[in-house]
Amino acid sequence: MKKYQLGEFEEIVLLTVGVLYGEAYGVAIKEEIAKRQNRKVSVGALQSALRRMESKGFLNSEFGESTKMRGGKRKRYFKITALGKKALDYNMQSRVELWNQIPDVAFEFKLC
């Protein structure tokens, strides 16, 4: 089902939004991906993925309160939608089905 397909980076971002539930804003998502995946993420790539997934209906966002520390700028917090959960379920199930189809012999390696 094409409407549920996620790219690898989108899947990581969506999963990270879930991990950070309630605290999923740009910088926190970027830092969590770097920590958990040992992967550098550009702000531009992350923002593009977040906007793309929000337009697909996988995420929604709302602004938090403004603070003096941030010069009055408010953080945009993201949450997974029901459609986003379906997309994650679809991707996980697709991968599990592929893993289950690999015959055991495919992983029998000879030591050199």
N, C-alpha and C. Protein backbone atom coordinates (compact mmCIF):
# COMPACT_ATOMS: atom_id res chain seq x y z
N MET A 1 0.83 -1.19 0.00
CA MET A 1 0.00 0.00 0.00
C MET A 1 0.87 1.25 0.00
N LYS A 2 0.88 1.93 -1.09
CA LYS A 2 1.75 3.08 -1.24
C LYS A 2 1.47 4.19 -0.23
N LYS A 3 0.21 4.35 0.19
CA LYS A 3 -0.10 5.47 1.09
C LYS A 3 0.54 5.32 2.47
N TYR A 4 1.01 4.12 2.80
CA TYR A 4 1.65 3.89 4.10
C TYR A 4 3.16 3.78 4.01
N GLN A 5 3.71 3.84 2.82
CA GLN A 5 5.15 3.64 2.67
C GLN A 5 5.93 4.81 3.26
N LEU A 6 7.01 4.45 3.94
CA LEU A 6 7.92 5.43 4.51
C LEU A 6 9.32 5.15 3.99
N GLY A 7 10.07 6.20 3.73
CA GLY A 7 11.48 6.03 3.45
C GLY A 7 12.20 5.71 4.76
N GLU A 8 13.43 5.25 4.65
CA GLU A 8 14.18 4.86 5.85
C GLU A 8 14.34 6.03 6.82
N PHE A 9 14.68 7.20 6.31
CA PHE A 9 14.86 8.37 7.18
C PHE A 9 13.53 8.79 7.79
N GLU A 10 12.46 8.78 6.98
CA GLU A 10 11.14 9.12 7.52
C GLU A 10 10.75 8.17 8.65
N GLU A 11 11.03 6.91 8.47
CA GLU A 11 10.70 5.93 9.51
C GLU A 11 11.46 6.23 10.80
N ILE A 12 12.74 6.55 10.69
CA ILE A 12 13.54 6.88 11.87
C ILE A 12 12.99 8.13 12.55
N VAL A 13 12.65 9.14 11.77
CA VAL A 13 12.11 10.38 12.34
C VAL A 13 10.79 10.10 13.04
N LEU A 14 9.91 9.35 12.39
CA LEU A 14 8.60 9.05 12.97
C LEU A 14 8.74 8.25 14.26
N LEU A 15 9.61 7.26 14.26
CA LEU A 15 9.86 6.48 15.47
C LEU A 15 10.42 7.36 16.58
N THR A 16 11.30 8.26 16.23
CA THR A 16 11.92 9.15 17.22
C THR A 16 10.89 10.11 17.81
N VAL A 17 9.97 10.58 16.99
CA VAL A 17 8.87 11.42 17.52
C VAL A 17 8.09 10.63 18.57
N GLY A 18 7.86 9.35 18.31
CA GLY A 18 7.18 8.51 19.29
C GLY A 18 7.99 8.34 20.57
N VAL A 19 9.28 8.11 20.43
CA VAL A 19 10.16 7.94 21.59
C VAL A 19 10.14 9.19 22.46
N LEU A 20 10.11 10.35 21.82
CA LEU A 20 10.17 11.63 22.54
C LEU A 20 8.78 12.16 22.90
N TYR A 21 7.79 11.34 22.90
CA TYR A 21 6.41 11.75 23.08
C TYR A 21 6.29 12.93 24.07
N GLY A 22 5.66 13.98 23.60
CA GLY A 22 5.46 15.17 24.43
C GLY A 22 6.62 16.14 24.39
N GLU A 23 7.78 15.69 23.95
CA GLU A 23 8.98 16.54 23.89
C GLU A 23 9.63 16.49 22.51
N ALA A 24 8.85 16.14 21.49
CA ALA A 24 9.39 15.96 20.14
C ALA A 24 9.34 17.27 19.36
N TYR A 25 10.42 18.04 19.44
CA TYR A 25 10.57 19.25 18.64
C TYR A 25 11.90 19.12 17.90
N GLY A 26 12.12 19.97 16.93
CA GLY A 26 13.24 19.83 16.00
C GLY A 26 14.58 19.46 16.61
N VAL A 27 15.08 20.27 17.52
CA VAL A 27 16.42 20.03 18.10
C VAL A 27 16.44 18.72 18.89
N ALA A 28 15.39 18.45 19.65
CA ALA A 28 15.35 17.21 20.44
C ALA A 28 15.33 15.99 19.52
N ILE A 29 14.57 16.06 18.42
CA ILE A 29 14.52 14.94 17.47
C ILE A 29 15.89 14.72 16.85
N LYS A 30 16.51 15.82 16.43
CA LYS A 30 17.86 15.75 15.82
C LYS A 30 18.86 15.12 16.78
N GLU A 31 18.86 15.56 18.03
CA GLU A 31 19.81 15.04 19.02
C GLU A 31 19.52 13.57 19.35
N GLU A 32 18.26 13.20 19.42
CA GLU A 32 17.90 11.81 19.74
C GLU A 32 18.32 10.86 18.63
N ILE A 33 18.14 11.29 17.38
CA ILE A 33 18.59 10.46 16.25
C ILE A 33 20.10 10.32 16.28
N ALA A 34 20.81 11.42 16.54
CA ALA A 34 22.27 11.36 16.61
C ALA A 34 22.72 10.41 17.71
N LYS A 35 22.06 10.46 18.86
CA LYS A 35 22.43 9.62 19.99
C LYS A 35 22.11 8.14 19.74
N ARG A 36 20.91 7.86 19.29
CA ARG A 36 20.47 6.47 19.14
C ARG A 36 20.98 5.79 17.88
N GLN A 37 21.13 6.56 16.81
CA GLN A 37 21.51 5.98 15.53
C GLN A 37 22.97 6.28 15.15
N ASN A 38 23.65 7.07 15.98
CA ASN A 38 25.00 7.50 15.66
C ASN A 38 25.05 8.06 14.24
N ARG A 39 24.12 8.96 13.98
CA ARG A 39 23.91 9.47 12.63
C ARG A 39 23.73 10.98 12.70
N LYS A 40 24.49 11.69 11.91
CA LYS A 40 24.34 13.15 11.85
C LYS A 40 23.13 13.47 10.97
N VAL A 41 22.35 14.43 11.42
CA VAL A 41 21.16 14.84 10.69
C VAL A 41 21.22 16.34 10.49
N SER A 42 21.06 16.79 9.25
CA SER A 42 21.03 18.23 9.01
C SER A 42 19.66 18.77 9.39
N VAL A 43 19.64 19.99 9.84
CA VAL A 43 18.38 20.63 10.22
C VAL A 43 17.45 20.69 9.02
N GLY A 44 17.99 21.00 7.86
CA GLY A 44 17.17 21.09 6.65
C GLY A 44 16.52 19.78 6.28
N ALA A 45 17.29 18.69 6.33
CA ALA A 45 16.73 17.37 6.01
C ALA A 45 15.64 16.98 7.00
N LEU A 46 15.89 17.27 8.27
CA LEU A 46 14.90 16.94 9.30
C LEU A 46 13.63 17.76 9.10
N GLN A 47 13.77 19.06 8.90
CA GLN A 47 12.59 19.91 8.72
C GLN A 47 11.80 19.50 7.47
N SER A 48 12.50 19.15 6.40
CA SER A 48 11.81 18.69 5.19
C SER A 48 11.02 17.42 5.45
N ALA A 49 11.63 16.48 6.16
CA ALA A 49 10.96 15.22 6.48
C ALA A 49 9.75 15.47 7.38
N LEU A 50 9.89 16.32 8.37
CA LEU A 50 8.78 16.62 9.27
C LEU A 50 7.62 17.27 8.52
N ARG A 51 7.92 18.23 7.66
CA ARG A 51 6.85 18.89 6.88
C ARG A 51 6.18 17.91 5.92
N ARG A 52 7.00 17.07 5.28
CA ARG A 52 6.47 16.09 4.33
C ARG A 52 5.53 15.11 5.03
N MET A 53 5.95 14.63 6.21
CA MET A 53 5.11 13.66 6.93
C MET A 53 3.88 14.32 7.52
N GLU A 54 3.99 15.59 7.87
CA GLU A 54 2.81 16.31 8.35
C GLU A 54 1.81 16.49 7.21
N SER A 55 2.30 16.79 6.01
CA SER A 55 1.39 16.96 4.87
C SER A 55 0.76 15.63 4.45
N LYS A 56 1.45 14.51 4.70
CA LYS A 56 0.89 13.19 4.40
C LYS A 56 -0.11 12.74 5.48
N GLY A 57 -0.11 13.45 6.61
CA GLY A 57 -1.03 13.10 7.70
C GLY A 57 -0.45 12.13 8.71
N PHE A 58 0.86 11.87 8.65
CA PHE A 58 1.51 10.95 9.59
C PHE A 58 1.85 11.63 10.92
N LEU A 59 1.98 12.94 10.88
CA LEU A 59 2.30 13.74 12.06
C LEU A 59 1.37 14.94 12.12
N ASN A 60 1.18 15.45 13.32
CA ASN A 60 0.62 16.79 13.44
C ASN A 60 1.48 17.55 14.43
N SER A 61 1.34 18.85 14.42
CA SER A 61 2.19 19.67 15.28
C SER A 61 1.40 20.80 15.90
N GLU A 62 1.96 21.30 16.97
CA GLU A 62 1.40 22.49 17.62
C GLU A 62 2.54 23.24 18.28
N PHE A 63 2.33 24.54 18.44
CA PHE A 63 3.35 25.37 19.05
C PHE A 63 3.22 25.33 20.57
N GLY A 64 4.38 25.31 21.24
CA GLY A 64 4.43 25.43 22.69
C GLY A 64 4.42 26.90 23.06
N GLU A 65 4.62 27.14 24.33
CA GLU A 65 4.65 28.51 24.84
C GLU A 65 5.94 29.21 24.44
N SER A 66 5.88 30.52 24.28
CA SER A 66 7.09 31.29 24.01
C SER A 66 7.84 31.50 25.33
N THR A 67 9.14 31.58 25.22
CA THR A 67 9.96 31.80 26.41
C THR A 67 10.96 32.92 26.14
N LYS A 68 11.37 33.59 27.19
CA LYS A 68 12.38 34.64 27.07
C LYS A 68 13.71 34.04 26.62
N MET A 69 14.00 32.84 27.12
CA MET A 69 15.26 32.17 26.79
C MET A 69 15.40 31.98 25.28
N ARG A 70 14.29 31.77 24.59
CA ARG A 70 14.30 31.56 23.15
C ARG A 70 13.97 32.84 22.40
N GLY A 71 14.03 33.98 23.07
CA GLY A 71 13.75 35.25 22.43
C GLY A 71 12.30 35.38 21.98
N GLY A 72 11.40 34.72 22.71
CA GLY A 72 9.99 34.78 22.38
C GLY A 72 9.55 33.77 21.33
N LYS A 73 10.51 33.05 20.78
CA LYS A 73 10.18 32.07 19.74
C LYS A 73 9.61 30.80 20.38
N ARG A 74 8.57 30.25 19.78
CA ARG A 74 7.94 29.06 20.33
C ARG A 74 8.45 27.81 19.62
N LYS A 75 8.54 26.70 20.36
CA LYS A 75 8.92 25.41 19.79
C LYS A 75 7.70 24.79 19.13
N ARG A 76 7.94 24.08 18.02
CA ARG A 76 6.88 23.33 17.36
C ARG A 76 7.03 21.86 17.78
N TYR A 77 6.04 21.35 18.47
CA TYR A 77 6.03 19.98 18.96
C TYR A 77 5.25 19.08 18.01
N PHE A 78 5.80 17.88 17.77
CA PHE A 78 5.19 16.93 16.84
C PHE A 78 4.66 15.71 17.58
N LYS A 79 3.56 15.17 17.05
CA LYS A 79 2.98 13.92 17.56
C LYS A 79 2.59 13.04 16.39
N ILE A 80 2.67 11.73 16.60
CA ILE A 80 2.26 10.77 15.59
C ILE A 80 0.73 10.74 15.55
N THR A 81 0.18 10.69 14.35
CA THR A 81 -1.27 10.55 14.17
C THR A 81 -1.63 9.07 14.04
N ALA A 82 -2.91 8.78 13.98
CA ALA A 82 -3.37 7.40 13.77
C ALA A 82 -2.86 6.88 12.43
N LEU A 83 -2.85 7.74 11.41
CA LEU A 83 -2.33 7.33 10.10
C LEU A 83 -0.83 7.06 10.17
N GLY A 84 -0.11 7.87 10.95
CA GLY A 84 1.33 7.64 11.15
C GLY A 84 1.59 6.30 11.82
N LYS A 85 0.75 5.95 12.79
CA LYS A 85 0.88 4.64 13.46
C LYS A 85 0.63 3.52 12.47
N LYS A 86 -0.36 3.68 11.59
CA LYS A 86 -0.62 2.67 10.56
C LYS A 86 0.58 2.51 9.63
N ALA A 87 1.20 3.64 9.28
CA ALA A 87 2.38 3.60 8.41
C ALA A 87 3.52 2.85 9.09
N LEU A 88 3.74 3.12 10.39
CA LEU A 88 4.79 2.40 11.13
C LEU A 88 4.47 0.91 11.22
N ASP A 89 3.22 0.58 11.51
CA ASP A 89 2.81 -0.83 11.57
C ASP A 89 3.02 -1.52 10.24
N TYR A 90 2.64 -0.85 9.15
CA TYR A 90 2.81 -1.40 7.81
C TYR A 90 4.28 -1.68 7.52
N ASN A 91 5.14 -0.71 7.83
CA ASN A 91 6.57 -0.89 7.56
C ASN A 91 7.16 -2.01 8.40
N MET A 92 6.79 -2.06 9.67
CA MET A 92 7.30 -3.12 10.54
C MET A 92 6.84 -4.48 10.04
N GLN A 93 5.57 -4.61 9.72
CA GLN A 93 5.03 -5.90 9.26
C GLN A 93 5.68 -6.32 7.94
N SER A 94 5.89 -5.38 7.04
CA SER A 94 6.55 -5.68 5.76
C SER A 94 7.95 -6.23 5.98
N ARG A 95 8.68 -5.64 6.91
CA ARG A 95 10.05 -6.10 7.19
C ARG A 95 10.04 -7.47 7.86
N VAL A 96 9.13 -7.67 8.79
CA VAL A 96 9.03 -8.97 9.47
C VAL A 96 8.71 -10.06 8.46
N GLU A 97 7.77 -9.78 7.55
CA GLU A 97 7.42 -10.76 6.53
C GLU A 97 8.62 -11.10 5.66
N LEU A 98 9.41 -10.10 5.29
CA LEU A 98 10.62 -10.37 4.50
C LEU A 98 11.61 -11.22 5.29
N TRP A 99 11.86 -10.84 6.55
CA TRP A 99 12.78 -11.61 7.39
C TRP A 99 12.32 -13.06 7.49
N ASN A 100 11.04 -13.28 7.67
CA ASN A 100 10.50 -14.63 7.84
C ASN A 100 10.59 -15.46 6.58
N GLN A 101 10.76 -14.83 5.43
CA GLN A 101 10.87 -15.55 4.17
C GLN A 101 12.30 -15.97 3.83
N ILE A 102 13.26 -15.47 4.58
CA ILE A 102 14.66 -15.84 4.32
C ILE A 102 14.89 -17.26 4.82
N PRO A 103 15.31 -18.17 3.94
CA PRO A 103 15.57 -19.53 4.40
C PRO A 103 16.81 -19.56 5.31
N ASP A 104 16.80 -20.45 6.28
CA ASP A 104 17.93 -20.56 7.21
C ASP A 104 19.26 -20.75 6.48
N VAL A 105 19.22 -21.47 5.37
CA VAL A 105 20.45 -21.74 4.62
C VAL A 105 21.11 -20.45 4.13
N ALA A 106 20.34 -19.39 3.95
CA ALA A 106 20.90 -18.13 3.48
C ALA A 106 21.88 -17.52 4.48
N PHE A 107 21.77 -17.95 5.74
CA PHE A 107 22.66 -17.43 6.78
C PHE A 107 23.68 -18.46 7.26
N GLU A 108 23.85 -19.53 6.50
CA GLU A 108 24.87 -20.52 6.84
C GLU A 108 26.14 -20.14 6.08
N PHE A 109 27.10 -19.60 6.80
CA PHE A 109 28.32 -19.13 6.19
C PHE A 109 29.48 -20.04 6.53
N LYS A 110 30.38 -20.19 5.59
CA LYS A 110 31.60 -20.95 5.82
C LYS A 110 32.66 -20.01 6.35
N LEU A 111 33.40 -20.46 7.37
CA LEU A 111 34.50 -19.66 7.88
C LEU A 111 35.69 -19.83 6.97
N CYS A 112 36.34 -18.75 6.64
CA CYS A 112 37.51 -18.78 5.75
C CYS A 112 38.76 -19.04 6.51
